[in-house]
Amino acid sequence: MSRVCEYSGKRPHTGNKVVRRGKAKREGGIGQNVTGISKRRWKPNLQTIRIIDENGTVRRIKVCARYIKAGKFTKAPRGLGRKKAA
């Protein structure tokens, strides 16, 4: 399952977590020393929502929270799109 927004294309970004020791020179210390660097990831705030697309079909998509807040989708009402029991 990929962590990618289907509309904006947001995906996890990688970087380093840097651990330092000591007091900065500008704060009156003798300087900082890096004691550890480890990899980390920033994950997008993805939510799975049910929308009605341009064809009128109900489908589930993964979208970042920023797009949901901006109101870029018409959410499907509950109960719509379910398969009926025979």
N, C-alpha and C. Protein backbone atom coordinates (compact mmCIF):
# COMPACT_ATOMS: atom_id res chain seq x y z
N MET A 1 0.84 -1.17 0.00
CA MET A 1 0.00 0.00 0.00
C MET A 1 0.89 1.24 0.00
N SER A 2 0.78 2.04 -1.05
CA SER A 2 1.67 3.18 -1.15
C SER A 2 1.13 4.37 -0.38
N ARG A 3 2.03 5.18 0.14
CA ARG A 3 1.66 6.38 0.88
C ARG A 3 1.79 7.60 -0.03
N VAL A 4 0.95 7.65 -1.06
CA VAL A 4 1.01 8.74 -2.01
C VAL A 4 -0.39 9.32 -2.20
N CYS A 5 -0.49 10.64 -2.15
CA CYS A 5 -1.77 11.31 -2.38
C CYS A 5 -2.12 11.17 -3.87
N GLU A 6 -3.37 10.77 -4.16
CA GLU A 6 -3.75 10.53 -5.54
C GLU A 6 -3.94 11.81 -6.34
N TYR A 7 -4.04 12.96 -5.66
CA TYR A 7 -4.25 14.22 -6.37
C TYR A 7 -3.01 15.10 -6.36
N SER A 8 -2.43 15.34 -5.18
CA SER A 8 -1.28 16.25 -5.13
C SER A 8 0.03 15.52 -5.40
N GLY A 9 0.06 14.20 -5.22
CA GLY A 9 1.29 13.45 -5.44
C GLY A 9 2.24 13.50 -4.26
N LYS A 10 1.75 14.00 -3.11
CA LYS A 10 2.61 14.04 -1.92
C LYS A 10 3.02 12.63 -1.53
N ARG A 11 4.27 12.48 -1.15
CA ARG A 11 4.80 11.18 -0.75
C ARG A 11 5.77 11.39 0.40
N PRO A 12 6.19 10.31 1.08
CA PRO A 12 7.14 10.48 2.18
C PRO A 12 8.46 11.08 1.72
N HIS A 13 9.01 11.95 2.56
CA HIS A 13 10.33 12.54 2.30
C HIS A 13 11.30 12.01 3.34
N THR A 14 12.56 11.92 2.94
CA THR A 14 13.57 11.39 3.85
C THR A 14 14.52 12.50 4.28
N GLY A 15 15.15 12.29 5.42
CA GLY A 15 16.12 13.24 5.92
C GLY A 15 16.87 12.61 7.08
N ASN A 16 17.56 13.45 7.82
CA ASN A 16 18.35 12.96 8.95
C ASN A 16 17.84 13.55 10.26
N LYS A 17 17.90 12.73 11.29
CA LYS A 17 17.66 13.20 12.65
C LYS A 17 19.04 13.41 13.25
N VAL A 18 19.36 14.66 13.59
CA VAL A 18 20.69 15.00 14.08
C VAL A 18 20.62 15.26 15.58
N VAL A 19 21.41 14.52 16.36
CA VAL A 19 21.47 14.70 17.81
C VAL A 19 22.75 15.46 18.12
N ARG A 20 22.59 16.56 18.87
CA ARG A 20 23.74 17.40 19.20
C ARG A 20 23.94 17.46 20.69
N ARG A 21 25.17 17.79 21.09
CA ARG A 21 25.52 17.92 22.50
C ARG A 21 26.29 19.21 22.70
N GLY A 22 26.03 19.90 23.76
CA GLY A 22 26.76 21.13 24.05
C GLY A 22 25.90 22.36 23.83
N LYS A 23 26.43 23.49 24.20
CA LYS A 23 25.74 24.76 24.09
C LYS A 23 26.28 25.55 22.91
N ALA A 24 25.37 26.15 22.14
CA ALA A 24 25.77 26.89 20.94
C ALA A 24 26.64 28.08 21.31
N LYS A 25 27.54 28.46 20.39
CA LYS A 25 28.44 29.59 20.64
C LYS A 25 27.67 30.90 20.81
N ARG A 26 26.61 31.07 20.02
CA ARG A 26 25.85 32.31 20.12
C ARG A 26 25.10 32.44 21.43
N GLU A 27 24.98 31.33 22.16
CA GLU A 27 24.32 31.36 23.47
C GLU A 27 25.34 31.39 24.61
N GLY A 28 26.61 31.55 24.27
CA GLY A 28 27.65 31.67 25.28
C GLY A 28 28.41 30.39 25.57
N GLY A 29 28.20 29.36 24.79
CA GLY A 29 28.90 28.09 25.00
C GLY A 29 30.15 27.99 24.15
N ILE A 30 30.75 26.80 24.13
CA ILE A 30 31.97 26.62 23.34
C ILE A 30 31.69 25.90 22.03
N GLY A 31 30.42 25.67 21.73
CA GLY A 31 30.06 25.05 20.45
C GLY A 31 29.39 23.70 20.64
N GLN A 32 28.70 23.28 19.60
CA GLN A 32 27.99 22.01 19.65
C GLN A 32 28.76 20.92 18.95
N ASN A 33 28.51 19.69 19.40
CA ASN A 33 29.13 18.51 18.80
C ASN A 33 28.02 17.57 18.37
N VAL A 34 28.09 17.09 17.13
CA VAL A 34 27.10 16.13 16.64
C VAL A 34 27.48 14.76 17.17
N THR A 35 26.54 14.12 17.89
CA THR A 35 26.84 12.82 18.49
C THR A 35 26.14 11.67 17.79
N GLY A 36 25.17 11.97 16.93
CA GLY A 36 24.48 10.89 16.24
C GLY A 36 23.65 11.40 15.09
N ILE A 37 23.67 10.65 13.99
CA ILE A 37 22.84 10.96 12.83
C ILE A 37 22.15 9.68 12.43
N SER A 38 20.81 9.74 12.36
CA SER A 38 20.06 8.57 11.92
C SER A 38 19.03 9.01 10.90
N LYS A 39 18.65 8.10 10.01
CA LYS A 39 17.69 8.38 8.96
C LYS A 39 16.28 8.47 9.56
N ARG A 40 15.45 9.31 8.95
CA ARG A 40 14.04 9.37 9.35
C ARG A 40 13.20 9.75 8.15
N ARG A 41 11.87 9.59 8.29
CA ARG A 41 10.94 9.90 7.20
C ARG A 41 9.85 10.82 7.69
N TRP A 42 9.44 11.76 6.83
CA TRP A 42 8.27 12.59 7.11
C TRP A 42 7.16 12.06 6.22
N LYS A 43 6.07 11.62 6.85
CA LYS A 43 4.98 11.01 6.09
C LYS A 43 3.84 12.02 5.91
N PRO A 44 3.21 12.03 4.74
CA PRO A 44 2.09 12.94 4.53
C PRO A 44 0.87 12.49 5.32
N ASN A 45 0.00 13.43 5.65
CA ASN A 45 -1.21 13.13 6.41
C ASN A 45 -2.28 12.66 5.44
N LEU A 46 -2.26 11.37 5.10
CA LEU A 46 -3.19 10.81 4.13
C LEU A 46 -4.42 10.24 4.83
N GLN A 47 -5.57 10.49 4.24
CA GLN A 47 -6.83 9.96 4.73
C GLN A 47 -7.51 9.24 3.57
N THR A 48 -8.21 8.15 3.89
CA THR A 48 -8.98 7.45 2.88
C THR A 48 -10.41 7.96 2.95
N ILE A 49 -10.90 8.51 1.83
CA ILE A 49 -12.26 9.04 1.81
C ILE A 49 -13.02 8.47 0.61
N ARG A 50 -14.35 8.50 0.72
CA ARG A 50 -15.21 8.06 -0.37
C ARG A 50 -15.71 9.30 -1.10
N ILE A 51 -15.48 9.34 -2.41
CA ILE A 51 -15.90 10.50 -3.19
C ILE A 51 -16.78 10.06 -4.36
N ILE A 52 -17.47 11.03 -4.92
CA ILE A 52 -18.20 10.82 -6.16
C ILE A 52 -17.37 11.50 -7.24
N ASP A 53 -16.87 10.71 -8.20
CA ASP A 53 -16.02 11.30 -9.24
C ASP A 53 -16.87 11.88 -10.37
N GLU A 54 -16.20 12.36 -11.42
CA GLU A 54 -16.91 13.04 -12.50
C GLU A 54 -17.88 12.14 -13.26
N ASN A 55 -17.68 10.82 -13.19
CA ASN A 55 -18.60 9.88 -13.86
C ASN A 55 -19.81 9.54 -12.99
N GLY A 56 -19.78 10.00 -11.75
CA GLY A 56 -20.90 9.71 -10.85
C GLY A 56 -20.73 8.43 -10.06
N THR A 57 -19.57 7.79 -10.16
CA THR A 57 -19.33 6.56 -9.41
C THR A 57 -18.68 6.88 -8.07
N VAL A 58 -18.98 6.04 -7.09
CA VAL A 58 -18.41 6.21 -5.75
C VAL A 58 -17.15 5.36 -5.67
N ARG A 59 -16.06 5.98 -5.22
CA ARG A 59 -14.81 5.22 -5.06
C ARG A 59 -14.02 5.76 -3.88
N ARG A 60 -13.12 4.92 -3.39
CA ARG A 60 -12.27 5.30 -2.27
C ARG A 60 -10.93 5.77 -2.81
N ILE A 61 -10.44 6.88 -2.24
CA ILE A 61 -9.14 7.39 -2.66
C ILE A 61 -8.37 7.81 -1.42
N LYS A 62 -7.05 7.86 -1.58
CA LYS A 62 -6.18 8.36 -0.52
C LYS A 62 -5.79 9.79 -0.87
N VAL A 63 -6.12 10.71 0.04
CA VAL A 63 -5.90 12.12 -0.22
C VAL A 63 -5.27 12.75 1.00
N CYS A 64 -4.39 13.74 0.79
CA CYS A 64 -3.78 14.44 1.91
C CYS A 64 -4.81 15.37 2.54
N ALA A 65 -4.65 15.65 3.83
CA ALA A 65 -5.62 16.42 4.60
C ALA A 65 -5.78 17.83 4.05
N ARG A 66 -4.76 18.40 3.47
CA ARG A 66 -4.84 19.76 2.93
C ARG A 66 -5.89 19.85 1.83
N TYR A 67 -5.99 18.83 0.98
CA TYR A 67 -6.96 18.83 -0.10
C TYR A 67 -8.38 18.64 0.44
N ILE A 68 -8.52 17.86 1.51
CA ILE A 68 -9.84 17.67 2.11
C ILE A 68 -10.31 18.99 2.73
N LYS A 69 -9.42 19.68 3.45
CA LYS A 69 -9.76 20.96 4.07
C LYS A 69 -10.14 22.00 3.04
N ALA A 70 -9.48 21.97 1.87
CA ALA A 70 -9.75 22.94 0.83
C ALA A 70 -11.08 22.69 0.14
N GLY A 71 -11.71 21.53 0.40
CA GLY A 71 -13.01 21.22 -0.19
C GLY A 71 -12.95 20.92 -1.67
N LYS A 72 -11.93 20.21 -2.10
CA LYS A 72 -11.76 19.92 -3.52
C LYS A 72 -12.55 18.70 -3.98
N PHE A 73 -13.26 18.03 -3.07
CA PHE A 73 -13.99 16.81 -3.42
C PHE A 73 -15.45 16.92 -2.98
N THR A 74 -16.29 16.16 -3.66
CA THR A 74 -17.65 15.99 -3.18
C THR A 74 -17.70 14.62 -2.53
N LYS A 75 -17.84 14.62 -1.21
CA LYS A 75 -17.86 13.36 -0.48
C LYS A 75 -19.15 12.60 -0.78
N ALA A 76 -19.03 11.30 -0.85
CA ALA A 76 -20.20 10.46 -1.10
C ALA A 76 -20.98 10.29 0.20
N PRO A 77 -22.32 10.41 0.16
CA PRO A 77 -23.09 10.19 1.37
C PRO A 77 -23.04 8.73 1.79
N ARG A 78 -23.29 8.49 3.07
CA ARG A 78 -23.23 7.12 3.57
C ARG A 78 -24.32 6.26 2.96
N GLY A 79 -23.96 5.00 2.69
CA GLY A 79 -24.92 4.07 2.12
C GLY A 79 -24.97 4.07 0.61
N LEU A 80 -24.42 5.09 -0.02
CA LEU A 80 -24.43 5.17 -1.47
C LEU A 80 -23.26 4.36 -2.02
N GLY A 81 -23.52 3.54 -3.01
CA GLY A 81 -22.45 2.79 -3.64
C GLY A 81 -22.23 1.40 -3.07
N ARG A 82 -22.99 1.04 -2.04
CA ARG A 82 -22.85 -0.31 -1.49
C ARG A 82 -23.57 -1.32 -2.32
N LYS A 83 -23.07 -2.54 -2.32
CA LYS A 83 -23.73 -3.63 -3.04
C LYS A 83 -24.92 -4.11 -2.21
N LYS A 84 -26.03 -4.31 -2.87
CA LYS A 84 -27.23 -4.76 -2.18
C LYS A 84 -27.22 -6.28 -2.07
N ALA A 85 -27.71 -6.79 -0.93
CA ALA A 85 -27.79 -8.23 -0.72
C ALA A 85 -28.88 -8.82 -1.61
N ALA A 86 -28.59 -9.94 -2.23
CA ALA A 86 -29.56 -10.55 -3.15
C ALA A 86 -30.58 -11.41 -2.46
